[in-house]
PDB file of N, CA and C in Angstrom:
ATOM      1  N   UNK A   1       0.590  -0.990   0.333  1.00  0.00           N
ATOM      2  CA  UNK A   1       0.113   0.001  -0.219  1.00  0.00           C
ATOM      3  C   UNK A   1       1.184   1.534  -0.015  1.00  0.00           C
ATOM      4  N   UNK A   2       0.209   2.326  -0.544  1.00  0.00           N
ATOM      5  CA  UNK A   2       1.503   3.449  -0.631  1.00  0.00           C
ATOM      6  C   UNK A   2       0.845   4.155  -0.149  1.00  0.00           C
ATOM      7  N   UNK A   3       1.713   5.340   0.639  1.00  0.00           N
ATOM      8  CA  UNK A   3       0.965   6.452   1.498  1.00  0.00           C
ATOM      9  C   UNK A   3      -0.293   7.339   1.065  1.00  0.00           C
ATOM     10  N   UNK A   4       0.057   7.432  -0.287  1.00  0.00           N
ATOM     11  CA  UNK A   4      -0.515   8.452  -0.903  1.00  0.00           C
ATOM     12  C   UNK A   4      -2.259   7.446  -0.917  1.00  0.00           C
ATOM     13  N   UNK A   5      -2.552   6.117  -0.878  1.00  0.00           N
ATOM     14  CA  UNK A   5      -3.653   5.466  -0.879  1.00  0.00           C
ATOM     15  C   UNK A   5      -4.174   5.347   0.940  1.00  0.00           C
ATOM     16  N   UNK A   6      -2.839   5.328   1.680  1.00  0.00           N
ATOM     17  CA  UNK A   6      -3.749   5.417   3.556  1.00  0.00           C
ATOM     18  C   UNK A   6      -4.101   6.776   3.610  1.00  0.00           C
ATOM     19  N   UNK A   7      -3.562   7.713   3.048  1.00  0.00           N
ATOM     20  CA  UNK A   7      -4.074   9.071   3.493  1.00  0.00           C
ATOM     21  C   UNK A   7      -5.516   9.735   3.033  1.00  0.00           C
ATOM     22  N   UNK A   8      -5.998   8.974   2.432  1.00  0.00           N
ATOM     23  CA  UNK A   8      -7.499   9.175   1.662  1.00  0.00           C
ATOM     24  C   UNK A   8      -8.121   8.466   2.652  1.00  0.00           C
ATOM     25  N   UNK A   9      -7.804   7.614   3.687  1.00  0.00           N
ATOM     26  CA  UNK A   9      -8.723   6.665   4.217  1.00  0.00           C
ATOM     27  C   UNK A   9      -9.136   7.435   5.777  1.00  0.00           C
ATOM     28  N   UNK A  10     -10.389   7.340   5.930  1.00  0.00           N
ATOM     29  CA  UNK A  10     -10.880   7.782   7.440  1.00  0.00           C
ATOM     30  C   UNK A  10     -10.378   6.961   8.513  1.00  0.00           C
ATOM     31  N   UNK A  11     -10.171   7.021   9.655  1.00  0.00           N
ATOM     32  CA  UNK A  11      -9.768   6.556  10.785  1.00  0.00           C
ATOM     33  C   UNK A  11     -10.666   6.558  11.721  1.00  0.00           C
ATOM     34  N   UNK A  12     -11.305   5.232  11.993  1.00  0.00           N
ATOM     35  CA  UNK A  12     -12.544   4.694  13.070  1.00  0.00           C
ATOM     36  C   UNK A  12     -11.898   4.610  14.008  1.00  0.00           C
ATOM     37  N   UNK A  13     -12.223   5.178  15.447  1.00  0.00           N
ATOM     38  CA  UNK A  13     -11.909   4.626  16.740  1.00  0.00           C
ATOM     39  C   UNK A  13     -12.839   3.326  16.954  1.00  0.00           C
ATOM     40  N   UNK A  14     -12.753   1.996  17.391  1.00  0.00           N
ATOM     41  CA  UNK A  14     -13.645   0.836  17.887  1.00  0.00           C
ATOM     42  C   UNK A  14     -14.360   1.112  18.997  1.00  0.00           C
ATOM     43  N   UNK A  15     -13.608   1.583  19.620  1.00  0.00           N
ATOM     44  CA  UNK A  15     -14.094   1.901  20.757  1.00  0.00           C
ATOM     45  C   UNK A  15     -15.466   3.077  21.352  1.00  0.00           C
ATOM     46  N   UNK A  16     -15.673   3.722  20.545  1.00  0.00           N
ATOM     47  CA  UNK A  16     -16.528   4.518  20.345  1.00  0.00           C
ATOM     48  C   UNK A  16     -17.164   5.107  18.898  1.00  0.00           C
ATOM     49  N   UNK A  17     -16.582   4.379  17.964  1.00  0.00           N
ATOM     50  CA  UNK A  17     -17.378   4.379  16.953  1.00  0.00           C
ATOM     51  C   UNK A  17     -17.288   5.601  15.885  1.00  0.00           C
ATOM     52  N   UNK A  18     -16.389   6.702  16.522  1.00  0.00           N
ATOM     53  CA  UNK A  18     -16.313   7.895  15.910  1.00  0.00           C
ATOM     54  C   UNK A  18     -15.020   8.254  15.047  1.00  0.00           C
ATOM     55  N   UNK A  19     -15.232   8.819  14.346  1.00  0.00           N
ATOM     56  CA  UNK A  19     -14.381   9.448  13.117  1.00  0.00           C
ATOM     57  C   UNK A  19     -13.139  10.325  13.638  1.00  0.00           C
ATOM     58  N   UNK A  20     -12.374  10.089  13.701  1.00  0.00           N
ATOM     59  CA  UNK A  20     -11.036  10.996  14.414  1.00  0.00           C
ATOM     60  C   UNK A  20     -10.670  11.664  13.116  1.00  0.00           C
ATOM     61  N   UNK A  21     -10.902  11.454  12.002  1.00  0.00           N
ATOM     62  CA  UNK A  21     -10.022  12.323  10.689  1.00  0.00           C
ATOM     63  C   UNK A  21      -9.212  11.568   9.927  1.00  0.00           C
ATOM     64  N   UNK A  22      -8.457  12.117   8.852  1.00  0.00           N
ATOM     65  CA  UNK A  22      -7.845  11.338   7.772  1.00  0.00           C
ATOM     66  C   UNK A  22      -6.597  11.165   8.546  1.00  0.00           C
ATOM     67  N   UNK A  23      -5.704  10.365   7.884  1.00  0.00           N
ATOM     68  CA  UNK A  23      -4.318   9.703   7.967  1.00  0.00           C
ATOM     69  C   UNK A  23      -3.667  11.315   7.382  1.00  0.00           C
ATOM     70  N   UNK A  24      -2.852  12.115   7.764  1.00  0.00           N
ATOM     71  CA  UNK A  24      -2.075  13.458   7.470  1.00  0.00           C
ATOM     72  C   UNK A  24      -0.594  13.197   7.192  1.00  0.00           C
ATOM     73  N   UNK A  25      -0.079  12.050   8.149  1.00  0.00           N
ATOM     74  CA  UNK A  25       1.231  11.795   7.924  1.00  0.00           C
ATOM     75  C   UNK A  25       1.432  10.761   9.164  1.00  0.00           C
ATOM     76  N   UNK A  26       2.698  10.086   8.890  1.00  0.00           N
ATOM     77  CA  UNK A  26       3.231   9.186   9.534  1.00  0.00           C
ATOM     78  C   UNK A  26       4.717   9.069  10.191  1.00  0.00           C
ATOM     79  N   UNK A  27       4.873   8.376  11.036  1.00  0.00           N
ATOM     80  CA  UNK A  27       6.217   8.600  11.916  1.00  0.00           C
ATOM     81  C   UNK A  27       6.637   7.246  11.722  1.00  0.00           C
ATOM     82  N   UNK A  28       8.074   6.951  11.378  1.00  0.00           N
ATOM     83  CA  UNK A  28       8.564   6.129  11.009  1.00  0.00           C
ATOM     84  C   UNK A  28      10.284   5.759  11.034  1.00  0.00           C
ATOM     85  N   UNK A  29      10.381   4.680  11.373  1.00  0.00           N
ATOM     86  CA  UNK A  29      11.946   4.685  11.598  1.00  0.00           C
ATOM     87  C   UNK A  29      12.660   4.672   9.922  1.00  0.00           C
ATOM     88  N   UNK A  30      13.439   5.778   9.608  1.00  0.00           N
ATOM     89  CA  UNK A  30      14.133   5.916   8.400  1.00  0.00           C
ATOM     90  C   UNK A  30      15.124   4.616   8.402  1.00  0.00           C
ATOM     91  N   UNK A  31      15.644   3.984   9.189  1.00  0.00           N
ATOM     92  CA  UNK A  31      16.489   2.960   8.682  1.00  0.00           C
ATOM     93  C   UNK A  31      15.604   1.577   8.326  1.00  0.00           C
ATOM     94  N   UNK A  32      14.868   1.238   9.346  1.00  0.00           N
ATOM     95  CA  UNK A  32      14.168   0.454   8.862  1.00  0.00           C
ATOM     96  C   UNK A  32      12.774   0.297   7.918  1.00  0.00           C
ATOM     97  N   UNK A  33      12.642   1.605   7.623  1.00  0.00           N
ATOM     98  CA  UNK A  33      11.117   1.897   7.052  1.00  0.00           C
ATOM     99  C   UNK A  33       9.935   1.050   7.826  1.00  0.00           C
ATOM    100  N   UNK A  34       9.804   0.684   9.104  1.00  0.00           N
ATOM    101  CA  UNK A  34       8.674   0.650   9.568  1.00  0.00           C
ATOM    102  C   UNK A  34       7.734   1.732  10.300  1.00  0.00           C
ATOM    103  N   UNK A  35       6.364   1.613  10.766  1.00  0.00           N
ATOM    104  CA  UNK A  35       5.730   2.791  10.696  1.00  0.00           C
ATOM    105  C   UNK A  35       5.589   2.434  12.560  1.00  0.00           C
ATOM    106  N   UNK A  36       5.782   4.063  13.070  1.00  0.00           N
ATOM    107  CA  UNK A  36       5.789   4.000  14.553  1.00  0.00           C
ATOM    108  C   UNK A  36       4.155   4.081  15.006  1.00  0.00           C
ATOM    109  N   UNK A  37       3.855   5.155  14.136  1.00  0.00           N
ATOM    110  CA  UNK A  37       2.536   6.119  14.563  1.00  0.00           C
ATOM    111  C   UNK A  37       1.904   6.417  13.090  1.00  0.00           C
ATOM    112  N   UNK A  38       0.256   6.407  13.431  1.00  0.00           N
ATOM    113  CA  UNK A  38      -0.033   7.439  12.267  1.00  0.00           C
ATOM    114  C   UNK A  38      -0.610   9.086  13.124  1.00  0.00           C
ATOM    115  N   UNK A  39      -0.299   9.876  12.049  1.00  0.00           N
ATOM    116  CA  UNK A  39      -0.764  11.144  12.166  1.00  0.00           C
ATOM    117  C   UNK A  39      -1.997  11.820  11.802  1.00  0.00           C
ATOM    118  N   UNK A  40      -2.915  12.220  12.604  1.00  0.00           N
ATOM    119  CA  UNK A  40      -4.346  12.364  12.061  1.00  0.00           C
ATOM    120  C   UNK A  40      -4.355  14.142  12.419  1.00  0.00           C
ATOM    121  N   UNK A  41      -5.097  14.582  11.309  1.00  0.00           N
ATOM    122  CA  UNK A  41      -5.672  15.893  11.181  1.00  0.00           C
ATOM    123  C   UNK A  41      -6.682  15.829  11.779  1.00  0.00           C
ATOM    124  N   UNK A  42      -7.627  16.670  12.326  1.00  0.00           N
ATOM    125  CA  UNK A  42      -8.744  16.578  13.067  1.00  0.00           C
ATOM    126  C   UNK A  42      -9.501  16.629  11.641  1.00  0.00           C
ATOM    127  N   UNK A  43     -11.215  16.638  11.726  1.00  0.00           N
ATOM    128  CA  UNK A  43     -11.951  16.641  10.914  1.00  0.00           C
ATOM    129  C   UNK A  43     -12.044  18.156  10.629  1.00  0.00           C
ATOM    130  N   UNK A  44     -11.583  18.880  11.273  1.00  0.00           N
ATOM    131  CA  UNK A  44     -12.066  20.442  10.605  1.00  0.00           C
ATOM    132  C   UNK A  44     -10.221  20.836  11.054  1.00  0.00           C
ATOM    133  N   UNK A  45      -9.456  21.068   9.754  1.00  0.00           N
ATOM    134  CA  UNK A  45      -8.122  21.422   9.483  1.00  0.00           C
ATOM    135  C   UNK A  45      -8.022  22.984   9.981  1.00  0.00           C
ATOM    136  N   UNK A  46      -9.077  23.558   9.319  1.00  0.00           N
ATOM    137  CA  UNK A  46      -9.145  25.163   9.460  1.00  0.00           C
ATOM    138  C   UNK A  46      -8.948  25.239  10.905  1.00  0.00           C
ATOM    139  N   UNK A  47      -9.619  24.900  11.802  1.00  0.00           N
ATOM    140  CA  UNK A  47      -9.867  25.057  13.244  1.00  0.00           C
ATOM    141  C   UNK A  47      -8.626  24.770  13.952  1.00  0.00           C
ATOM    142  N   UNK A  48      -8.049  23.980  13.324  1.00  0.00           N
ATOM    143  CA  UNK A  48      -6.685  23.116  13.972  1.00  0.00           C
ATOM    144  C   UNK A  48      -5.702  24.406  13.321  1.00  0.00           C
ATOM    145  N   UNK A  49      -5.329  24.870  12.324  1.00  0.00           N
ATOM    146  CA  UNK A  49      -4.618  25.554  11.836  1.00  0.00           C
ATOM    147  C   UNK A  49      -4.738  27.145  12.979  1.00  0.00           C
ATOM    148  N   UNK A  50      -5.953  27.639  12.919  1.00  0.00           N
ATOM    149  CA  UNK A  50      -6.369  28.951  13.840  1.00  0.00           C
ATOM    150  C   UNK A  50      -6.121  28.891  15.025  1.00  0.00           C
ATOM    151  N   UNK A  51      -6.693  27.674  15.853  1.00  0.00           N
ATOM    152  CA  UNK A  51      -6.986  27.748  16.870  1.00  0.00           C
ATOM    153  C   UNK A  51      -5.669  26.579  17.584  1.00  0.00           C
ATOM    154  N   UNK A  52      -5.000  26.087  17.063  1.00  0.00           N
ATOM    155  CA  UNK A  52      -3.582  25.446  17.428  1.00  0.00           C
ATOM    156  C   UNK A  52      -4.261  24.215  18.204  1.00  0.00           C
ATOM    157  N   UNK A  53      -5.298  23.018  17.609  1.00  0.00           N
ATOM    158  CA  UNK A  53      -5.954  22.245  17.759  1.00  0.00           C
ATOM    159  C   UNK A  53      -4.918  21.046  17.542  1.00  0.00           C
ATOM    160  N   UNK A  54      -3.934  20.186  18.477  1.00  0.00           N
ATOM    161  CA  UNK A  54      -3.469  19.493  18.099  1.00  0.00           C
ATOM    162  C   UNK A  54      -3.949  18.521  17.070  1.00  0.00           C
ATOM    163  N   UNK A  55      -2.514  17.945  16.705  1.00  0.00           N
ATOM    164  CA  UNK A  55      -2.736  16.158  15.414  1.00  0.00           C
ATOM    165  C   UNK A  55      -2.873  15.144  16.758  1.00  0.00           C
ATOM    166  N   UNK A  56      -3.784  14.314  16.452  1.00  0.00           N
ATOM    167  CA  UNK A  56      -3.541  12.966  17.116  1.00  0.00           C
ATOM    168  C   UNK A  56      -2.672  11.977  16.705  1.00  0.00           C
ATOM    169  N   UNK A  57      -1.862  11.602  17.390  1.00  0.00           N
ATOM    170  CA  UNK A  57      -1.116  10.576  17.500  1.00  0.00           C
ATOM    171  C   UNK A  57      -1.504   9.237  17.792  1.00  0.00           C
ATOM    172  N   UNK A  58      -1.294   8.253  16.757  1.00  0.00           N
ATOM    173  CA  UNK A  58      -2.015   6.804  16.926  1.00  0.00           C
ATOM    174  C   UNK A  58      -0.714   5.900  16.871  1.00  0.00           C
ATOM    175  N   UNK A  59      -0.576   5.435  17.736  1.00  0.00           N
ATOM    176  CA  UNK A  59       0.547   4.425  17.696  1.00  0.00           C
ATOM    177  C   UNK A  59       0.446   3.161  16.943  1.00  0.00           C
ATOM    178  N   UNK A  60       1.132   2.869  15.939  1.00  0.00           N
ATOM    179  CA  UNK A  60       0.801   1.917  14.572  1.00  0.00           C
ATOM    180  C   UNK A  60       0.006   0.588  15.551  1.00  0.00           C
ATOM    181  N   UNK A  61       1.139   0.402  16.856  1.00  0.00           N
ATOM    182  CA  UNK A  61       0.357  -0.865  17.354  1.00  0.00           C
ATOM    183  C   UNK A  61      -1.288  -1.039  17.976  1.00  0.00           C
ATOM    184  N   UNK A  62      -1.790   0.421  17.483  1.00  0.00           N
ATOM    185  CA  UNK A  62      -3.263   0.821  18.106  1.00  0.00           C
ATOM    186  C   UNK A  62      -4.258   0.334  16.587  1.00  0.00           C
ATOM    187  N   UNK A  63      -3.750   0.128  15.560  1.00  0.00           N
ATOM    188  CA  UNK A  63      -4.016   0.017  14.481  1.00  0.00           C
ATOM    189  C   UNK A  63      -4.850  -1.485  14.192  1.00  0.00           C
ATOM    190  N   UNK A  64      -5.861  -1.586  14.283  1.00  0.00           N
ATOM    191  CA  UNK A  64      -6.741  -3.005  14.002  1.00  0.00           C
ATOM    192  C   UNK A  64      -6.754  -3.141  12.773  1.00  0.00           C
ATOM    193  N   UNK A  65      -7.213  -2.871  11.848  1.00  0.00           N
ATOM    194  CA  UNK A  65      -7.380  -3.291  10.410  1.00  0.00           C
ATOM    195  C   UNK A  65      -7.480  -1.881   9.841  1.00  0.00           C
ATOM    196  N   UNK A  66      -6.737  -2.101   8.482  1.00  0.00           N
ATOM    197  CA  UNK A  66      -6.773  -1.379   7.264  1.00  0.00           C
ATOM    198  C   UNK A  66      -7.704  -2.074   6.078  1.00  0.00           C
ATOM    199  N   UNK A  67      -8.711  -1.002   5.750  1.00  0.00           N
ATOM    200  CA  UNK A  67      -9.822  -1.591   4.625  1.00  0.00           C
ATOM    201  C   UNK A  67      -9.410  -0.803   3.501  1.00  0.00           C
ATOM    202  N   UNK A  68     -10.305  -0.910   2.766  1.00  0.00           N
ATOM    203  CA  UNK A  68     -10.383  -0.313   1.440  1.00  0.00           C
ATOM    204  C   UNK A  68     -10.869   1.205   1.584  1.00  0.00           C
ATOM    205  N   UNK A  69     -11.600   1.490   2.690  1.00  0.00           N
ATOM    206  CA  UNK A  69     -12.085   2.856   2.671  1.00  0.00           C
ATOM    207  C   UNK A  69     -11.679   3.744   3.999  1.00  0.00           C
ATOM    208  N   UNK A  70     -11.426   2.513   5.375  1.00  0.00           N
ATOM    209  CA  UNK A  70     -11.058   3.153   6.459  1.00  0.00           C
ATOM    210  C   UNK A  70      -9.904   2.263   7.083  1.00  0.00           C
ATOM    211  N   UNK A  71      -9.529   2.917   8.167  1.00  0.00           N
ATOM    212  CA  UNK A  71      -8.812   2.153   8.926  1.00  0.00           C
ATOM    213  C   UNK A  71      -8.977   2.437  10.513  1.00  0.00           C
ATOM    214  N   UNK A  72      -9.238   1.121  10.832  1.00  0.00           N
ATOM    215  CA  UNK A  72      -9.844   1.272  12.314  1.00  0.00           C
ATOM    216  C   UNK A  72      -8.721   0.848  13.533  1.00  0.00           C
ATOM    217  N   UNK A  73      -9.262   1.500  14.335  1.00  0.00           N
ATOM    218  CA  UNK A  73      -8.054   1.791  15.626  1.00  0.00           C
ATOM    219  C   UNK A  73      -8.878   1.380  16.865  1.00  0.00           C
ATOM    220  N   UNK A  74      -7.827   1.088  17.643  1.00  0.00           N
ATOM    221  CA  UNK A  74      -8.679   1.081  19.186  1.00  0.00           C
ATOM    222  C   UNK A  74      -7.912   1.451  20.159  1.00  0.00           C
ATOM    223  N   UNK A  75      -8.408   2.681  20.531  1.00  0.00           N
ATOM    224  CA  UNK A  75      -7.639   3.503  21.352  1.00  0.00           C
ATOM    225  C   UNK A  75      -8.420   4.225  22.300  1.00  0.00           C
ATOM    226  N   UNK A  76      -8.257   4.245  23.709  1.00  0.00           N
ATOM    227  CA  UNK A  76      -9.004   4.810  24.724  1.00  0.00           C
ATOM    228  C   UNK A  76      -9.035   6.322  24.985  1.00  0.00           C
ATOM    229  N   UNK A  77      -8.272   7.136  24.650  1.00  0.00           N
ATOM    230  CA  UNK A  77      -8.159   8.382  24.625  1.00  0.00           C
ATOM    231  C   UNK A  77      -7.437   8.651  23.218  1.00  0.00           C
ATOM    232  N   UNK A  78      -7.538  10.185  22.973  1.00  0.00           N
ATOM    233  CA  UNK A  78      -6.544  10.564  21.793  1.00  0.00           C
ATOM    234  C   UNK A  78      -5.342  10.954  22.401  1.00  0.00           C
ATOM    235  N   UNK A  79      -4.559  10.588  21.717  1.00  0.00           N
ATOM    236  CA  UNK A  79      -3.072  10.451  22.070  1.00  0.00           C
ATOM    237  C   UNK A  79      -2.306  11.989  21.169  1.00  0.00           C
ATOM    238  N   UNK A  80      -2.261  13.235  21.845  1.00  0.00           N
ATOM    239  CA  UNK A  80      -1.971  14.318  21.430  1.00  0.00           C
ATOM    240  C   UNK A  80      -0.854  14.497  21.055  1.00  0.00           C
ATOM    241  N   UNK A  81      -0.100  15.703  20.058  1.00  0.00           N
ATOM    242  CA  UNK A  81       1.306  15.613  19.689  1.00  0.00           C
ATOM    243  C   UNK A  81       1.460  17.332  20.296  1.00  0.00           C
TER     244      UNK A  81
END
């Protein structure tokens, strides 16, 4: 899967069935290429830009499934950057 395919997917938390936003960036180990975390911008990116709303950082271990349209994650609380 390419990053360009991943960034088009909505991220859904299966604990509360809420959409967290879309994949905006990745944290990865540049030596091994392993992904450490997904970085999600909130639903309203303009609010994030103007009001300083932090991005959500989801450790890759919390990713349950990557489907054709969505990414399912299981997190108890948001991991802000």
